[in-house]
Amino acid sequence: MMAISIVAAYLLFRKNPRESLVTRGPFFLVCFFIFFCVGFAQLPMWWPDLFHTLLGHSIYTDSSVSAGDNLIRLDRAWWLTRWFHAMRAGYFWIVFAAIAWAIVNVVRRRMWKMNALCAVVGSAVLAVDVGLLRMCFPVCL
C-alpha cells in the first residue's frame, strides 16, 4: 500500500519538483496519501514482535478508553484504540489542510481545475468520515 503512494509521488513530482509540489501537492494528499496512511496504520500487524519490544506489551493487549462525560468505557486492542484511531485523526487533518491548500491554489489560478476537483473530493472524503463517525458514535471512538 505504501508503495502506491511512493510511486504516485514520484510520477507527480518528477518534473520541476518545486512548482509541481506547490500545484499538485493537494491532489497527492487527498487522492494518494490514503494509501500511505493505510499501510502505516497496519505496521503493528506486520511486525508485532517489534512493537511488542518497543511498547513493552502486546499490540493485542486490551486498552481502556472512556467516551467522555457519559462514562462509557470501551476495552479494545491497543493497536485499534491507540494506533489506528490516531492515524485516522491525522489523515482527517491532513485532508482538511489539503482542501485549504487547494482553495488557495484555485484563487491563485495554479492548475485550478485539478485543485478544484481536489477540494471537492477532499470535502467528500471528510463528509464520509464525519458521517461514519456519527453513525457508530460510541463504538468508533
N, C-alpha and C. Protein backbone atom coordinates (compact mmCIF):
# COMPACT_ATOMS: atom_id res chain seq x y z
N MET A 1 0.81 -1.19 0.00
CA MET A 1 0.00 0.00 0.00
C MET A 1 0.86 1.26 0.00
N MET A 2 1.89 1.24 0.81
CA MET A 2 2.73 2.43 0.90
C MET A 2 3.48 2.66 -0.42
N ALA A 3 3.76 1.57 -1.13
CA ALA A 3 4.47 1.69 -2.41
C ALA A 3 3.63 2.45 -3.44
N ILE A 4 2.32 2.30 -3.41
CA ILE A 4 1.46 3.02 -4.34
C ILE A 4 1.63 4.52 -4.16
N SER A 5 1.66 4.96 -2.91
CA SER A 5 1.80 6.39 -2.68
C SER A 5 3.20 6.87 -3.04
N ILE A 6 4.22 6.06 -2.85
CA ILE A 6 5.58 6.46 -3.22
C ILE A 6 5.72 6.57 -4.73
N VAL A 7 5.17 5.62 -5.46
CA VAL A 7 5.22 5.68 -6.93
C VAL A 7 4.41 6.87 -7.44
N ALA A 8 3.26 7.11 -6.86
CA ALA A 8 2.45 8.26 -7.28
C ALA A 8 3.18 9.57 -7.01
N ALA A 9 3.86 9.66 -5.89
CA ALA A 9 4.63 10.88 -5.59
C ALA A 9 5.74 11.08 -6.61
N TYR A 10 6.42 10.01 -6.97
CA TYR A 10 7.48 10.12 -7.97
C TYR A 10 6.92 10.59 -9.31
N LEU A 11 5.82 9.99 -9.73
CA LEU A 11 5.25 10.35 -11.03
C LEU A 11 4.66 11.75 -11.04
N LEU A 12 4.11 12.21 -9.93
CA LEU A 12 3.51 13.55 -9.89
C LEU A 12 4.55 14.66 -9.79
N PHE A 13 5.63 14.41 -9.07
CA PHE A 13 6.56 15.49 -8.74
C PHE A 13 7.90 15.41 -9.45
N ARG A 14 8.06 14.53 -10.46
CA ARG A 14 9.39 14.38 -11.06
C ARG A 14 9.78 15.53 -11.96
N LYS A 15 8.85 16.19 -12.63
CA LYS A 15 9.17 17.32 -13.49
C LYS A 15 9.04 18.60 -12.69
N ASN A 16 10.08 19.38 -12.63
CA ASN A 16 10.10 20.66 -11.92
C ASN A 16 9.52 20.49 -10.51
N PRO A 17 10.26 19.83 -9.63
CA PRO A 17 9.72 19.46 -8.32
C PRO A 17 9.16 20.61 -7.49
N ARG A 18 9.79 21.77 -7.52
CA ARG A 18 9.31 22.87 -6.67
C ARG A 18 7.93 23.36 -7.13
N GLU A 19 7.78 23.59 -8.41
CA GLU A 19 6.50 24.08 -8.92
C GLU A 19 5.41 23.01 -8.83
N SER A 20 5.76 21.76 -9.15
CA SER A 20 4.74 20.71 -9.10
C SER A 20 4.33 20.38 -7.67
N LEU A 21 5.23 20.56 -6.71
CA LEU A 21 4.85 20.33 -5.32
C LEU A 21 3.81 21.34 -4.86
N VAL A 22 3.98 22.59 -5.27
CA VAL A 22 3.02 23.63 -4.89
C VAL A 22 1.67 23.41 -5.56
N THR A 23 1.69 23.04 -6.83
CA THR A 23 0.42 22.92 -7.57
C THR A 23 -0.25 21.56 -7.42
N ARG A 24 0.53 20.50 -7.31
CA ARG A 24 -0.04 19.15 -7.26
C ARG A 24 -0.05 18.54 -5.86
N GLY A 25 0.48 19.23 -4.89
CA GLY A 25 0.53 18.72 -3.53
C GLY A 25 -0.83 18.36 -2.95
N PRO A 26 -1.83 19.24 -3.07
CA PRO A 26 -3.15 18.88 -2.52
C PRO A 26 -3.75 17.64 -3.18
N PHE A 27 -3.56 17.50 -4.48
CA PHE A 27 -4.07 16.32 -5.20
C PHE A 27 -3.44 15.05 -4.64
N PHE A 28 -2.14 15.08 -4.41
CA PHE A 28 -1.45 13.93 -3.85
C PHE A 28 -1.97 13.62 -2.45
N LEU A 29 -2.12 14.64 -1.62
CA LEU A 29 -2.54 14.41 -0.25
C LEU A 29 -3.96 13.85 -0.16
N VAL A 30 -4.84 14.32 -1.02
CA VAL A 30 -6.22 13.84 -0.96
C VAL A 30 -6.37 12.46 -1.60
N CYS A 31 -5.75 12.25 -2.75
CA CYS A 31 -6.01 11.03 -3.53
C CYS A 31 -5.04 9.88 -3.28
N PHE A 32 -3.79 10.17 -2.94
CA PHE A 32 -2.81 9.09 -2.83
C PHE A 32 -2.23 8.91 -1.44
N PHE A 33 -2.31 9.91 -0.58
CA PHE A 33 -1.74 9.78 0.76
C PHE A 33 -2.52 8.78 1.60
N ILE A 34 -3.76 8.50 1.23
CA ILE A 34 -4.55 7.50 1.94
C ILE A 34 -3.88 6.13 1.89
N PHE A 35 -3.23 5.80 0.79
CA PHE A 35 -2.55 4.51 0.67
C PHE A 35 -1.38 4.42 1.65
N PHE A 36 -0.66 5.52 1.80
CA PHE A 36 0.44 5.55 2.76
C PHE A 36 -0.10 5.40 4.18
N CYS A 37 -1.17 6.10 4.49
CA CYS A 37 -1.75 6.03 5.84
C CYS A 37 -2.27 4.64 6.16
N VAL A 38 -2.92 4.01 5.21
CA VAL A 38 -3.42 2.65 5.44
C VAL A 38 -2.26 1.69 5.66
N GLY A 39 -1.23 1.82 4.86
CA GLY A 39 -0.05 0.97 5.05
C GLY A 39 0.64 1.22 6.37
N PHE A 40 0.77 2.48 6.74
CA PHE A 40 1.42 2.83 8.01
C PHE A 40 0.58 2.38 9.20
N ALA A 41 -0.73 2.44 9.06
CA ALA A 41 -1.61 2.01 10.15
C ALA A 41 -1.52 0.50 10.39
N GLN A 42 -1.11 -0.25 9.38
CA GLN A 42 -1.01 -1.70 9.51
C GLN A 42 0.36 -2.18 10.01
N LEU A 43 1.29 -1.26 10.25
CA LEU A 43 2.62 -1.66 10.71
C LEU A 43 2.61 -2.54 11.96
N PRO A 44 1.81 -2.23 12.98
CA PRO A 44 1.81 -3.13 14.15
C PRO A 44 1.35 -4.54 13.82
N MET A 45 0.51 -4.69 12.82
CA MET A 45 0.06 -6.02 12.44
C MET A 45 1.13 -6.78 11.66
N TRP A 46 1.96 -6.04 10.91
CA TRP A 46 3.01 -6.67 10.13
C TRP A 46 4.19 -7.10 11.01
N TRP A 47 4.53 -6.26 11.97
CA TRP A 47 5.68 -6.54 12.84
C TRP A 47 5.26 -6.50 14.31
N PRO A 48 4.46 -7.45 14.76
CA PRO A 48 4.01 -7.42 16.15
C PRO A 48 5.14 -7.60 17.15
N ASP A 49 6.17 -8.38 16.79
CA ASP A 49 7.28 -8.57 17.72
C ASP A 49 8.06 -7.28 17.94
N LEU A 50 8.27 -6.52 16.89
CA LEU A 50 8.97 -5.24 17.01
C LEU A 50 8.19 -4.28 17.91
N PHE A 51 6.88 -4.20 17.71
CA PHE A 51 6.07 -3.31 18.54
C PHE A 51 5.95 -3.82 19.96
N HIS A 52 5.98 -5.15 20.13
CA HIS A 52 5.98 -5.70 21.48
C HIS A 52 7.25 -5.28 22.22
N THR A 53 8.37 -5.30 21.52
CA THR A 53 9.64 -4.88 22.12
C THR A 53 9.63 -3.39 22.43
N LEU A 54 9.13 -2.58 21.50
CA LEU A 54 9.12 -1.13 21.70
C LEU A 54 8.14 -0.69 22.79
N LEU A 55 6.97 -1.30 22.83
CA LEU A 55 5.93 -0.89 23.77
C LEU A 55 6.04 -1.54 25.13
N GLY A 56 6.57 -2.75 25.16
CA GLY A 56 6.63 -3.48 26.41
C GLY A 56 5.39 -4.32 26.67
N HIS A 57 4.46 -4.33 25.73
CA HIS A 57 3.26 -5.17 25.83
C HIS A 57 2.81 -5.52 24.42
N SER A 58 1.94 -6.51 24.33
CA SER A 58 1.44 -6.96 23.04
C SER A 58 0.50 -5.91 22.43
N ILE A 59 0.44 -5.90 21.10
CA ILE A 59 -0.48 -4.98 20.45
C ILE A 59 -1.93 -5.42 20.63
N TYR A 60 -2.12 -6.66 21.08
CA TYR A 60 -3.47 -7.18 21.30
C TYR A 60 -3.94 -6.99 22.75
N THR A 61 -3.11 -6.37 23.58
CA THR A 61 -3.49 -6.09 24.96
C THR A 61 -4.67 -5.13 24.98
N ASP A 62 -5.62 -5.39 25.87
CA ASP A 62 -6.78 -4.51 25.96
C ASP A 62 -6.37 -3.15 26.50
N SER A 63 -6.93 -2.12 25.89
CA SER A 63 -6.69 -0.75 26.30
C SER A 63 -8.04 -0.11 26.55
N SER A 64 -8.18 0.58 27.65
CA SER A 64 -9.46 1.17 28.02
C SER A 64 -9.53 2.61 27.56
N VAL A 65 -10.69 2.97 27.06
CA VAL A 65 -10.95 4.34 26.64
C VAL A 65 -12.30 4.73 27.18
N SER A 66 -12.40 5.89 27.84
CA SER A 66 -13.70 6.37 28.25
C SER A 66 -14.18 7.36 27.21
N ALA A 67 -15.44 7.30 26.88
CA ALA A 67 -16.01 8.09 25.80
C ALA A 67 -16.54 9.43 26.29
N GLY A 68 -15.81 10.08 27.16
CA GLY A 68 -16.20 11.42 27.58
C GLY A 68 -17.01 11.44 28.86
N ASP A 69 -17.89 12.41 28.95
CA ASP A 69 -18.64 12.65 30.17
C ASP A 69 -19.71 11.59 30.45
N ASN A 70 -20.12 10.86 29.45
CA ASN A 70 -21.18 9.88 29.68
C ASN A 70 -20.65 8.57 30.27
N LEU A 71 -19.36 8.50 30.53
CA LEU A 71 -18.72 7.40 31.23
C LEU A 71 -18.90 6.04 30.58
N ILE A 72 -18.93 6.01 29.27
CA ILE A 72 -18.92 4.74 28.56
C ILE A 72 -17.47 4.27 28.51
N ARG A 73 -17.22 3.06 28.94
CA ARG A 73 -15.86 2.54 28.93
C ARG A 73 -15.76 1.44 27.89
N LEU A 74 -14.80 1.59 27.01
CA LEU A 74 -14.62 0.62 25.94
C LEU A 74 -13.26 -0.06 26.11
N ASP A 75 -13.24 -1.38 26.07
CA ASP A 75 -12.00 -2.13 26.13
C ASP A 75 -11.77 -2.78 24.77
N ARG A 76 -10.71 -2.35 24.12
CA ARG A 76 -10.36 -2.91 22.82
C ARG A 76 -8.85 -3.07 22.74
N ALA A 77 -8.40 -3.71 21.68
CA ALA A 77 -6.97 -3.95 21.50
C ALA A 77 -6.22 -2.62 21.34
N TRP A 78 -4.96 -2.61 21.80
CA TRP A 78 -4.15 -1.40 21.78
C TRP A 78 -4.03 -0.83 20.37
N TRP A 79 -3.76 -1.69 19.38
CA TRP A 79 -3.49 -1.17 18.03
C TRP A 79 -4.72 -0.49 17.46
N LEU A 80 -5.91 -0.93 17.84
CA LEU A 80 -7.13 -0.28 17.35
C LEU A 80 -7.43 1.00 18.12
N THR A 81 -7.28 0.95 19.43
CA THR A 81 -7.63 2.10 20.27
C THR A 81 -6.62 3.23 20.14
N ARG A 82 -5.36 2.91 20.25
CA ARG A 82 -4.33 3.95 20.31
C ARG A 82 -3.68 4.26 18.97
N TRP A 83 -3.46 3.28 18.13
CA TRP A 83 -2.70 3.45 16.90
C TRP A 83 -3.60 3.81 15.73
N PHE A 84 -4.59 2.99 15.45
CA PHE A 84 -5.41 3.16 14.26
C PHE A 84 -6.22 4.46 14.31
N HIS A 85 -6.78 4.77 15.45
CA HIS A 85 -7.59 5.99 15.56
C HIS A 85 -6.74 7.25 15.50
N ALA A 86 -5.50 7.16 15.97
CA ALA A 86 -4.60 8.30 15.81
C ALA A 86 -4.25 8.51 14.33
N MET A 87 -4.06 7.44 13.59
CA MET A 87 -3.80 7.54 12.16
C MET A 87 -5.02 8.14 11.43
N ARG A 88 -6.20 7.72 11.83
CA ARG A 88 -7.42 8.23 11.21
C ARG A 88 -7.56 9.73 11.46
N ALA A 89 -7.32 10.16 12.69
CA ALA A 89 -7.42 11.57 13.02
C ALA A 89 -6.36 12.38 12.28
N GLY A 90 -5.16 11.83 12.18
CA GLY A 90 -4.09 12.51 11.44
C GLY A 90 -4.44 12.69 9.98
N TYR A 91 -4.98 11.65 9.36
CA TYR A 91 -5.37 11.75 7.96
C TYR A 91 -6.50 12.77 7.78
N PHE A 92 -7.43 12.81 8.72
CA PHE A 92 -8.53 13.78 8.66
C PHE A 92 -7.97 15.21 8.60
N TRP A 93 -7.02 15.55 9.46
CA TRP A 93 -6.47 16.90 9.48
C TRP A 93 -5.58 17.18 8.28
N ILE A 94 -4.91 16.16 7.76
CA ILE A 94 -4.10 16.35 6.54
C ILE A 94 -5.01 16.66 5.36
N VAL A 95 -6.12 15.95 5.23
CA VAL A 95 -7.07 16.23 4.15
C VAL A 95 -7.68 17.62 4.33
N PHE A 96 -7.98 18.00 5.55
CA PHE A 96 -8.51 19.33 5.81
C PHE A 96 -7.51 20.41 5.35
N ALA A 97 -6.23 20.22 5.66
CA ALA A 97 -5.19 21.17 5.23
C ALA A 97 -5.04 21.15 3.71
N ALA A 98 -5.16 19.98 3.10
CA ALA A 98 -5.05 19.88 1.64
C ALA A 98 -6.20 20.62 0.95
N ILE A 99 -7.39 20.58 1.53
CA ILE A 99 -8.52 21.33 0.96
C ILE A 99 -8.23 22.83 1.01
N ALA A 100 -7.72 23.30 2.14
CA ALA A 100 -7.38 24.72 2.26
C ALA A 100 -6.30 25.10 1.25
N TRP A 101 -5.29 24.24 1.10
CA TRP A 101 -4.21 24.47 0.14
C TRP A 101 -4.76 24.50 -1.29
N ALA A 102 -5.68 23.59 -1.60
CA ALA A 102 -6.28 23.56 -2.93
C ALA A 102 -7.08 24.82 -3.20
N ILE A 103 -7.79 25.32 -2.21
CA ILE A 103 -8.57 26.55 -2.38
C ILE A 103 -7.63 27.73 -2.64
N VAL A 104 -6.51 27.78 -1.94
CA VAL A 104 -5.52 28.83 -2.20
C VAL A 104 -4.99 28.73 -3.62
N ASN A 105 -4.73 27.51 -4.09
CA ASN A 105 -4.26 27.32 -5.47
C ASN A 105 -5.32 27.73 -6.49
N VAL A 106 -6.58 27.46 -6.19
CA VAL A 106 -7.65 27.87 -7.12
C VAL A 106 -7.72 29.39 -7.19
N VAL A 107 -7.62 30.05 -6.04
CA VAL A 107 -7.67 31.51 -6.03
C VAL A 107 -6.49 32.10 -6.80
N ARG A 108 -5.33 31.46 -6.71
CA ARG A 108 -4.14 31.95 -7.42
C ARG A 108 -4.04 31.43 -8.85
N ARG A 109 -5.03 30.66 -9.30
CA ARG A 109 -5.13 30.12 -10.66
C ARG A 109 -3.96 29.20 -11.01
N ARG A 110 -3.51 28.40 -10.06
CA ARG A 110 -2.48 27.39 -10.30
C ARG A 110 -3.16 26.05 -10.53
N MET A 111 -3.13 25.57 -11.75
CA MET A 111 -3.80 24.31 -12.11
C MET A 111 -5.16 24.25 -11.43
N TRP A 112 -5.97 25.24 -11.70
CA TRP A 112 -7.20 25.45 -10.95
C TRP A 112 -8.21 24.32 -11.12
N LYS A 113 -8.22 23.64 -12.28
CA LYS A 113 -9.19 22.55 -12.46
C LYS A 113 -8.87 21.38 -11.54
N MET A 114 -7.61 20.99 -11.52
CA MET A 114 -7.22 19.87 -10.66
C MET A 114 -7.39 20.22 -9.19
N ASN A 115 -7.07 21.44 -8.82
CA ASN A 115 -7.21 21.84 -7.42
C ASN A 115 -8.67 21.99 -7.01
N ALA A 116 -9.53 22.43 -7.93
CA ALA A 116 -10.96 22.49 -7.62
C ALA A 116 -11.52 21.08 -7.43
N LEU A 117 -11.10 20.16 -8.29
CA LEU A 117 -11.50 18.77 -8.13
C LEU A 117 -10.99 18.21 -6.81
N CYS A 118 -9.78 18.57 -6.46
CA CYS A 118 -9.20 18.12 -5.19
C CYS A 118 -10.01 18.64 -4.00
N ALA A 119 -10.42 19.89 -4.05
CA ALA A 119 -11.22 20.45 -2.95
C ALA A 119 -12.57 19.74 -2.84
N VAL A 120 -13.19 19.40 -3.97
CA VAL A 120 -14.48 18.70 -3.95
C VAL A 120 -14.31 17.28 -3.43
N VAL A 121 -13.31 16.55 -3.93
CA VAL A 121 -13.09 15.18 -3.48
C VAL A 121 -12.70 15.16 -2.00
N GLY A 122 -11.85 16.09 -1.59
CA GLY A 122 -11.47 16.16 -0.18
C GLY A 122 -12.65 16.45 0.72
N SER A 123 -13.54 17.33 0.28
CA SER A 123 -14.75 17.61 1.06
C SER A 123 -15.64 16.38 1.16
N ALA A 124 -15.71 15.62 0.09
CA ALA A 124 -16.50 14.38 0.12
C ALA A 124 -15.87 13.36 1.08
N VAL A 125 -14.56 13.26 1.06
CA VAL A 125 -13.88 12.34 1.98
C VAL A 125 -14.15 12.74 3.43
N LEU A 126 -14.06 14.03 3.73
CA LEU A 126 -14.33 14.49 5.09
C LEU A 126 -15.79 14.26 5.48
N ALA A 127 -16.71 14.47 4.54
CA ALA A 127 -18.13 14.25 4.83
C ALA A 127 -18.39 12.77 5.13
N VAL A 128 -17.80 11.88 4.36
CA VAL A 128 -17.97 10.45 4.61
C VAL A 128 -17.36 10.08 5.96
N ASP A 129 -16.18 10.60 6.26
CA ASP A 129 -15.54 10.29 7.54
C ASP A 129 -16.37 10.77 8.72
N VAL A 130 -16.85 11.99 8.66
CA VAL A 130 -17.68 12.52 9.75
C VAL A 130 -19.00 11.76 9.82
N GLY A 131 -19.59 11.44 8.68
CA GLY A 131 -20.83 10.67 8.66
C GLY A 131 -20.67 9.29 9.27
N LEU A 132 -19.58 8.61 8.94
CA LEU A 132 -19.35 7.28 9.53
C LEU A 132 -19.09 7.38 11.03
N LEU A 133 -18.40 8.42 11.45
CA LEU A 133 -18.13 8.59 12.87
C LEU A 133 -19.42 8.85 13.64
N ARG A 134 -20.34 9.61 13.06
CA ARG A 134 -21.60 9.91 13.75
C ARG A 134 -22.54 8.71 13.78
N MET A 135 -22.47 7.85 12.75
CA MET A 135 -23.37 6.69 12.72
C MET A 135 -23.02 5.65 13.77
N CYS A 136 -21.75 5.50 14.08
CA CYS A 136 -21.36 4.46 15.04
C CYS A 136 -20.66 5.09 16.25
N PHE A 137 -21.19 6.17 16.78
CA PHE A 137 -20.52 7.02 17.76
C PHE A 137 -19.83 6.29 18.91
N PRO A 138 -20.52 5.60 19.80
CA PRO A 138 -19.76 5.11 20.96
C PRO A 138 -18.78 4.02 20.61
N VAL A 139 -19.01 3.30 19.53
CA VAL A 139 -18.16 2.18 19.18
C VAL A 139 -16.93 2.63 18.39
N CYS A 140 -17.04 3.68 17.63
CA CYS A 140 -15.96 4.09 16.71
C CYS A 140 -14.99 5.10 17.30
N LEU A 141 -14.99 5.33 18.58
CA LEU A 141 -14.10 6.34 19.15
C LEU A 141 -12.67 5.97 19.05
